[in-house]
Protein backbone atom coordinates (compact mmCIF):
# COMPACT_ATOMS: atom_id res chain seq x y z
CA UNK A 1 0.00 0.00 0.00
CA UNK A 2 1.22 3.46 -0.86
CA UNK A 3 2.43 5.50 2.12
CA UNK A 4 0.04 8.36 1.36
CA UNK A 5 -3.06 6.15 0.94
CA UNK A 6 -5.31 5.23 3.82
CA UNK A 7 -8.62 3.45 4.35
CA UNK A 8 -11.78 5.49 4.86
CA UNK A 9 -15.39 4.48 5.55
CA UNK A 10 -17.92 5.76 3.05
CA UNK A 11 -21.66 5.75 3.78
CA UNK A 12 -23.98 4.47 1.03
CA UNK A 13 -27.68 3.83 0.71
CA UNK A 14 -28.38 0.55 2.46
CA UNK A 15 -28.73 -2.25 -0.08
CA UNK A 16 -26.80 -0.34 -2.75
CA UNK A 17 -23.25 -1.07 -1.56
CA UNK A 18 -22.31 -3.17 -4.62
CA UNK A 19 -23.80 -0.60 -7.02
CA UNK A 20 -21.92 2.21 -5.27
CA UNK A 21 -18.68 0.19 -5.43
CA UNK A 22 -19.13 -0.50 -9.14
CA UNK A 23 -20.03 3.13 -9.92
CA UNK A 24 -17.00 4.38 -7.96
CA UNK A 25 -14.62 1.94 -9.68
CA UNK A 26 -15.98 2.92 -13.11
CA UNK A 27 -15.67 6.64 -12.33
CA UNK A 28 -12.08 6.22 -11.07
CA UNK A 29 -11.14 4.24 -14.19
CA UNK A 30 -12.83 6.78 -16.49
CA UNK A 31 -10.97 9.68 -14.83
CA UNK A 32 -7.67 7.73 -14.73
CA UNK A 33 -7.32 8.17 -10.96
CA UNK A 34 -6.36 4.58 -10.06
CA UNK A 35 -3.19 5.82 -8.37
CA UNK A 36 -5.14 7.94 -5.82
CA UNK A 37 -8.21 5.72 -5.30
CA UNK A 38 -6.82 2.22 -5.46
CA UNK A 39 -9.29 -0.14 -3.78
CA UNK A 40 -12.98 -0.36 -2.85
CA UNK A 41 -14.20 -3.06 -0.46
CA UNK A 42 -17.73 -4.14 0.49
CA UNK A 43 -17.30 -6.13 3.73
CA UNK A 44 -19.49 -9.24 3.42
CA UNK A 45 -19.41 -12.91 4.41
CA UNK A 46 -21.09 -16.09 3.24
CA UNK A 47 -23.89 -17.43 5.42
CA UNK A 48 -25.56 -20.84 5.21
CA UNK A 49 -29.27 -20.60 6.04
CA UNK A 50 -31.56 -23.48 6.92
CA UNK A 51 -35.11 -22.79 5.80
CA UNK A 52 -37.63 -25.61 6.02
CA UNK A 53 -34.81 -28.16 6.02
CA UNK A 54 -33.10 -26.80 2.88
CA UNK A 55 -29.57 -25.36 3.00
CA UNK A 56 -29.11 -22.09 1.13
CA UNK A 57 -25.84 -20.12 0.89
CA UNK A 58 -26.11 -16.35 0.67
CA UNK A 59 -23.92 -13.30 1.17
CA UNK A 60 -24.46 -11.10 4.23
CA UNK A 61 -22.96 -7.64 4.58
CA UNK A 62 -20.89 -7.17 7.72
CA UNK A 63 -21.55 -3.40 7.75
CA UNK A 64 -24.77 -2.70 5.79
CA UNK A 65 -24.74 0.77 4.26
CA UNK A 66 -20.95 1.18 4.32
CA UNK A 67 -18.01 0.52 2.02
CA UNK A 68 -14.27 0.87 2.64
CA UNK A 69 -12.15 2.91 0.21
CA UNK A 70 -8.34 2.99 0.10
CA UNK A 71 -7.28 6.36 -1.25
CA UNK A 72 -5.18 9.48 -0.89
CA UNK A 73 -7.54 12.06 0.60
CA UNK A 74 -7.56 15.39 -1.21
CA UNK A 75 -10.21 17.86 -2.34
CA UNK A 76 -10.26 16.15 -5.74
CA UNK A 77 -10.73 12.62 -4.40
CA UNK A 78 -13.28 13.90 -1.86
CA UNK A 79 -15.30 15.36 -4.76
CA UNK A 80 -15.03 12.10 -6.75
CA UNK A 81 -16.42 10.09 -3.83
CA UNK A 82 -19.23 12.57 -3.10
CA UNK A 83 -20.30 12.65 -6.77
CA UNK A 84 -20.92 8.89 -6.96
CA UNK A 85 -24.62 7.93 -7.07
CA UNK A 86 -25.93 6.14 -3.94
CA UNK A 87 -23.06 7.57 -1.81
CA UNK A 88 -24.04 9.98 0.96
CA UNK A 89 -20.51 10.85 2.13
CA UNK A 90 -17.76 9.91 4.50
CA UNK A 91 -18.33 8.64 8.02
CA UNK A 92 -17.17 11.11 10.66
CA UNK A 93 -16.11 14.68 9.99
CA UNK A 94 -17.48 15.66 6.57
CA UNK A 95 -14.32 17.45 5.39
CA UNK A 96 -11.69 15.52 7.34
CA UNK A 97 -12.85 11.91 7.82
CA UNK A 98 -10.94 9.66 10.23
CA UNK A 99 -8.56 7.04 8.88
CA UNK A 100 -9.42 3.39 9.52
CA UNK A 101 -6.37 1.68 11.07
CA UNK A 102 -4.68 -0.95 8.89
CA UNK A 103 -5.08 -3.54 11.67
CA UNK A 104 -8.86 -3.09 11.58
CA UNK A 105 -8.97 -3.51 7.79
CA UNK A 106 -6.81 -6.66 8.09
CA UNK A 107 -9.25 -8.03 10.68
CA UNK A 108 -12.20 -7.32 8.39
CA UNK A 109 -10.54 -8.88 5.31
CA UNK A 110 -9.63 -11.93 7.43
CA UNK A 111 -13.27 -12.22 8.51
CA UNK A 112 -14.30 -12.03 4.83
CA UNK A 113 -11.85 -14.75 3.77
CA UNK A 114 -12.84 -17.01 6.69
CA UNK A 115 -16.49 -16.57 5.73
CA UNK A 116 -15.63 -17.67 2.18
CA UNK A 117 -13.79 -20.77 3.40
CA UNK A 118 -16.30 -21.77 6.09
CA UNK A 119 -19.68 -20.09 5.74
CA UNK A 120 -21.44 -19.26 9.01
CA UNK A 121 -24.63 -21.11 9.84
CA UNK A 122 -27.76 -19.00 10.18
CA UNK A 123 -30.87 -20.68 11.50
CA UNK A 124 -34.38 -19.29 11.14
CA UNK A 125 -37.34 -20.81 12.90
CA UNK A 126 -41.04 -20.41 12.43
CA UNK A 127 -43.75 -20.36 15.09
CA UNK A 128 -44.99 -23.85 15.89
CA UNK A 129 -41.83 -25.58 14.66
CA UNK A 130 -40.50 -28.40 16.85
CA UNK A 131 -36.84 -28.08 17.92
CA UNK A 132 -34.25 -29.85 20.06
CA UNK A 133 -31.83 -27.72 22.15
CA UNK A 134 -28.20 -28.78 21.55
CA UNK A 135 -26.29 -26.31 23.75
CA UNK A 136 -26.64 -24.44 27.03
CA UNK A 137 -28.50 -25.23 30.22
CA UNK A 138 -31.44 -26.82 28.35
CA UNK A 139 -29.33 -29.26 26.29
CA UNK A 140 -31.29 -32.26 24.98
CA UNK A 141 -34.67 -30.70 25.73
CA UNK A 142 -37.33 -30.66 23.02
CA UNK A 143 -39.51 -27.62 22.50
CA UNK A 144 -41.83 -25.76 20.20
CA UNK A 145 -41.00 -22.30 18.83
CA UNK A 146 -43.47 -19.71 20.15
C-alpha atoms as a PDB file:
ATOM      1  CA  UNK A   1       0.000   0.000   0.000  1.00  0.00           C
ATOM      2  CA  UNK A   2       1.222   3.459  -0.858  1.00  0.00           C
ATOM      3  CA  UNK A   3       2.431   5.499   2.119  1.00  0.00           C
ATOM      4  CA  UNK A   4       0.042   8.355   1.360  1.00  0.00           C
ATOM      5  CA  UNK A   5      -3.057   6.155   0.936  1.00  0.00           C
ATOM      6  CA  UNK A   6      -5.310   5.225   3.823  1.00  0.00           C
ATOM      7  CA  UNK A   7      -8.618   3.446   4.353  1.00  0.00           C
ATOM      8  CA  UNK A   8     -11.785   5.488   4.863  1.00  0.00           C
ATOM      9  CA  UNK A   9     -15.386   4.480   5.550  1.00  0.00           C
ATOM     10  CA  UNK A  10     -17.920   5.762   3.049  1.00  0.00           C
ATOM     11  CA  UNK A  11     -21.662   5.751   3.781  1.00  0.00           C
ATOM     12  CA  UNK A  12     -23.980   4.473   1.026  1.00  0.00           C
ATOM     13  CA  UNK A  13     -27.683   3.828   0.711  1.00  0.00           C
ATOM     14  CA  UNK A  14     -28.377   0.545   2.458  1.00  0.00           C
ATOM     15  CA  UNK A  15     -28.727  -2.252  -0.084  1.00  0.00           C
ATOM     16  CA  UNK A  16     -26.798  -0.340  -2.748  1.00  0.00           C
ATOM     17  CA  UNK A  17     -23.246  -1.075  -1.556  1.00  0.00           C
ATOM     18  CA  UNK A  18     -22.306  -3.174  -4.615  1.00  0.00           C
ATOM     19  CA  UNK A  19     -23.800  -0.601  -7.022  1.00  0.00           C
ATOM     20  CA  UNK A  20     -21.920   2.214  -5.274  1.00  0.00           C
ATOM     21  CA  UNK A  21     -18.683   0.192  -5.434  1.00  0.00           C
ATOM     22  CA  UNK A  22     -19.135  -0.504  -9.139  1.00  0.00           C
ATOM     23  CA  UNK A  23     -20.027   3.125  -9.917  1.00  0.00           C
ATOM     24  CA  UNK A  24     -16.996   4.385  -7.962  1.00  0.00           C
ATOM     25  CA  UNK A  25     -14.621   1.936  -9.680  1.00  0.00           C
ATOM     26  CA  UNK A  26     -15.982   2.920 -13.110  1.00  0.00           C
ATOM     27  CA  UNK A  27     -15.668   6.636 -12.327  1.00  0.00           C
ATOM     28  CA  UNK A  28     -12.078   6.217 -11.067  1.00  0.00           C
ATOM     29  CA  UNK A  29     -11.139   4.241 -14.192  1.00  0.00           C
ATOM     30  CA  UNK A  30     -12.834   6.781 -16.489  1.00  0.00           C
ATOM     31  CA  UNK A  31     -10.975   9.677 -14.827  1.00  0.00           C
ATOM     32  CA  UNK A  32      -7.671   7.733 -14.730  1.00  0.00           C
ATOM     33  CA  UNK A  33      -7.322   8.165 -10.960  1.00  0.00           C
ATOM     34  CA  UNK A  34      -6.360   4.576 -10.064  1.00  0.00           C
ATOM     35  CA  UNK A  35      -3.186   5.825  -8.368  1.00  0.00           C
ATOM     36  CA  UNK A  36      -5.141   7.941  -5.816  1.00  0.00           C
ATOM     37  CA  UNK A  37      -8.211   5.725  -5.296  1.00  0.00           C
ATOM     38  CA  UNK A  38      -6.819   2.217  -5.458  1.00  0.00           C
ATOM     39  CA  UNK A  39      -9.292  -0.142  -3.776  1.00  0.00           C
ATOM     40  CA  UNK A  40     -12.977  -0.364  -2.849  1.00  0.00           C
ATOM     41  CA  UNK A  41     -14.201  -3.058  -0.462  1.00  0.00           C
ATOM     42  CA  UNK A  42     -17.725  -4.141   0.494  1.00  0.00           C
ATOM     43  CA  UNK A  43     -17.303  -6.132   3.730  1.00  0.00           C
ATOM     44  CA  UNK A  44     -19.491  -9.243   3.425  1.00  0.00           C
ATOM     45  CA  UNK A  45     -19.409 -12.905   4.406  1.00  0.00           C
ATOM     46  CA  UNK A  46     -21.093 -16.088   3.240  1.00  0.00           C
ATOM     47  CA  UNK A  47     -23.885 -17.430   5.422  1.00  0.00           C
ATOM     48  CA  UNK A  48     -25.561 -20.845   5.214  1.00  0.00           C
ATOM     49  CA  UNK A  49     -29.269 -20.602   6.042  1.00  0.00           C
ATOM     50  CA  UNK A  50     -31.559 -23.477   6.922  1.00  0.00           C
ATOM     51  CA  UNK A  51     -35.113 -22.793   5.800  1.00  0.00           C
ATOM     52  CA  UNK A  52     -37.633 -25.606   6.015  1.00  0.00           C
ATOM     53  CA  UNK A  53     -34.811 -28.156   6.019  1.00  0.00           C
ATOM     54  CA  UNK A  54     -33.098 -26.795   2.877  1.00  0.00           C
ATOM     55  CA  UNK A  55     -29.566 -25.357   3.004  1.00  0.00           C
ATOM     56  CA  UNK A  56     -29.107 -22.092   1.129  1.00  0.00           C
ATOM     57  CA  UNK A  57     -25.843 -20.121   0.885  1.00  0.00           C
ATOM     58  CA  UNK A  58     -26.106 -16.347   0.667  1.00  0.00           C
ATOM     59  CA  UNK A  59     -23.919 -13.297   1.165  1.00  0.00           C
ATOM     60  CA  UNK A  60     -24.462 -11.100   4.227  1.00  0.00           C
ATOM     61  CA  UNK A  61     -22.959  -7.641   4.582  1.00  0.00           C
ATOM     62  CA  UNK A  62     -20.889  -7.168   7.721  1.00  0.00           C
ATOM     63  CA  UNK A  63     -21.554  -3.396   7.746  1.00  0.00           C
ATOM     64  CA  UNK A  64     -24.765  -2.702   5.787  1.00  0.00           C
ATOM     65  CA  UNK A  65     -24.744   0.766   4.262  1.00  0.00           C
ATOM     66  CA  UNK A  66     -20.954   1.176   4.319  1.00  0.00           C
ATOM     67  CA  UNK A  67     -18.012   0.524   2.018  1.00  0.00           C
ATOM     68  CA  UNK A  68     -14.274   0.873   2.637  1.00  0.00           C
ATOM     69  CA  UNK A  69     -12.150   2.909   0.214  1.00  0.00           C
ATOM     70  CA  UNK A  70      -8.337   2.990   0.097  1.00  0.00           C
ATOM     71  CA  UNK A  71      -7.278   6.363  -1.250  1.00  0.00           C
ATOM     72  CA  UNK A  72      -5.183   9.479  -0.890  1.00  0.00           C
ATOM     73  CA  UNK A  73      -7.542  12.058   0.599  1.00  0.00           C
ATOM     74  CA  UNK A  74      -7.558  15.392  -1.209  1.00  0.00           C
ATOM     75  CA  UNK A  75     -10.206  17.862  -2.336  1.00  0.00           C
ATOM     76  CA  UNK A  76     -10.257  16.150  -5.742  1.00  0.00           C
ATOM     77  CA  UNK A  77     -10.735  12.618  -4.397  1.00  0.00           C
ATOM     78  CA  UNK A  78     -13.280  13.898  -1.856  1.00  0.00           C
ATOM     79  CA  UNK A  79     -15.303  15.357  -4.757  1.00  0.00           C
ATOM     80  CA  UNK A  80     -15.029  12.104  -6.750  1.00  0.00           C
ATOM     81  CA  UNK A  81     -16.425  10.088  -3.827  1.00  0.00           C
ATOM     82  CA  UNK A  82     -19.233  12.569  -3.101  1.00  0.00           C
ATOM     83  CA  UNK A  83     -20.295  12.646  -6.773  1.00  0.00           C
ATOM     84  CA  UNK A  84     -20.916   8.885  -6.963  1.00  0.00           C
ATOM     85  CA  UNK A  85     -24.617   7.935  -7.072  1.00  0.00           C
ATOM     86  CA  UNK A  86     -25.928   6.142  -3.936  1.00  0.00           C
ATOM     87  CA  UNK A  87     -23.063   7.574  -1.812  1.00  0.00           C
ATOM     88  CA  UNK A  88     -24.035   9.976   0.964  1.00  0.00           C
ATOM     89  CA  UNK A  89     -20.511  10.849   2.126  1.00  0.00           C
ATOM     90  CA  UNK A  90     -17.759   9.913   4.498  1.00  0.00           C
ATOM     91  CA  UNK A  91     -18.328   8.641   8.023  1.00  0.00           C
ATOM     92  CA  UNK A  92     -17.168  11.107  10.658  1.00  0.00           C
ATOM     93  CA  UNK A  93     -16.111  14.677   9.989  1.00  0.00           C
ATOM     94  CA  UNK A  94     -17.482  15.656   6.566  1.00  0.00           C
ATOM     95  CA  UNK A  95     -14.315  17.452   5.386  1.00  0.00           C
ATOM     96  CA  UNK A  96     -11.689  15.524   7.341  1.00  0.00           C
ATOM     97  CA  UNK A  97     -12.847  11.905   7.823  1.00  0.00           C
ATOM     98  CA  UNK A  98     -10.941   9.660  10.233  1.00  0.00           C
ATOM     99  CA  UNK A  99      -8.555   7.036   8.878  1.00  0.00           C
ATOM    100  CA  UNK A 100      -9.423   3.390   9.515  1.00  0.00           C
ATOM    101  CA  UNK A 101      -6.366   1.682  11.069  1.00  0.00           C
ATOM    102  CA  UNK A 102      -4.683  -0.948   8.889  1.00  0.00           C
ATOM    103  CA  UNK A 103      -5.077  -3.539  11.673  1.00  0.00           C
ATOM    104  CA  UNK A 104      -8.859  -3.087  11.584  1.00  0.00           C
ATOM    105  CA  UNK A 105      -8.966  -3.508   7.795  1.00  0.00           C
ATOM    106  CA  UNK A 106      -6.814  -6.659   8.086  1.00  0.00           C
ATOM    107  CA  UNK A 107      -9.253  -8.029  10.684  1.00  0.00           C
ATOM    108  CA  UNK A 108     -12.204  -7.315   8.387  1.00  0.00           C
ATOM    109  CA  UNK A 109     -10.540  -8.881   5.313  1.00  0.00           C
ATOM    110  CA  UNK A 110      -9.628 -11.926   7.427  1.00  0.00           C
ATOM    111  CA  UNK A 111     -13.273 -12.217   8.515  1.00  0.00           C
ATOM    112  CA  UNK A 112     -14.301 -12.027   4.827  1.00  0.00           C
ATOM    113  CA  UNK A 113     -11.847 -14.748   3.774  1.00  0.00           C
ATOM    114  CA  UNK A 114     -12.844 -17.008   6.692  1.00  0.00           C
ATOM    115  CA  UNK A 115     -16.491 -16.572   5.727  1.00  0.00           C
ATOM    116  CA  UNK A 116     -15.634 -17.666   2.182  1.00  0.00           C
ATOM    117  CA  UNK A 117     -13.791 -20.766   3.400  1.00  0.00           C
ATOM    118  CA  UNK A 118     -16.303 -21.769   6.094  1.00  0.00           C
ATOM    119  CA  UNK A 119     -19.675 -20.089   5.743  1.00  0.00           C
ATOM    120  CA  UNK A 120     -21.445 -19.264   9.011  1.00  0.00           C
ATOM    121  CA  UNK A 121     -24.630 -21.112   9.841  1.00  0.00           C
ATOM    122  CA  UNK A 122     -27.765 -19.005  10.179  1.00  0.00           C
ATOM    123  CA  UNK A 123     -30.873 -20.676  11.498  1.00  0.00           C
ATOM    124  CA  UNK A 124     -34.378 -19.294  11.136  1.00  0.00           C
ATOM    125  CA  UNK A 125     -37.336 -20.806  12.898  1.00  0.00           C
ATOM    126  CA  UNK A 126     -41.041 -20.405  12.427  1.00  0.00           C
ATOM    127  CA  UNK A 127     -43.745 -20.357  15.092  1.00  0.00           C
ATOM    128  CA  UNK A 128     -44.992 -23.846  15.887  1.00  0.00           C
ATOM    129  CA  UNK A 129     -41.828 -25.579  14.655  1.00  0.00           C
ATOM    130  CA  UNK A 130     -40.500 -28.404  16.851  1.00  0.00           C
ATOM    131  CA  UNK A 131     -36.839 -28.078  17.916  1.00  0.00           C
ATOM    132  CA  UNK A 132     -34.249 -29.846  20.056  1.00  0.00           C
ATOM    133  CA  UNK A 133     -31.829 -27.723  22.153  1.00  0.00           C
ATOM    134  CA  UNK A 134     -28.205 -28.778  21.551  1.00  0.00           C
ATOM    135  CA  UNK A 135     -26.290 -26.311  23.751  1.00  0.00           C
ATOM    136  CA  UNK A 136     -26.643 -24.437  27.027  1.00  0.00           C
ATOM    137  CA  UNK A 137     -28.502 -25.229  30.218  1.00  0.00           C
ATOM    138  CA  UNK A 138     -31.442 -26.822  28.350  1.00  0.00           C
ATOM    139  CA  UNK A 139     -29.329 -29.261  26.289  1.00  0.00           C
ATOM    140  CA  UNK A 140     -31.293 -32.263  24.980  1.00  0.00           C
ATOM    141  CA  UNK A 141     -34.674 -30.698  25.735  1.00  0.00           C
ATOM    142  CA  UNK A 142     -37.329 -30.660  23.020  1.00  0.00           C
ATOM    143  CA  UNK A 143     -39.515 -27.623  22.503  1.00  0.00           C
ATOM    144  CA  UNK A 144     -41.832 -25.756  20.200  1.00  0.00           C
ATOM    145  CA  UNK A 145     -41.001 -22.297  18.826  1.00  0.00           C
ATOM    146  CA  UNK A 146     -43.467 -19.713  20.148  1.00  0.00           C
END
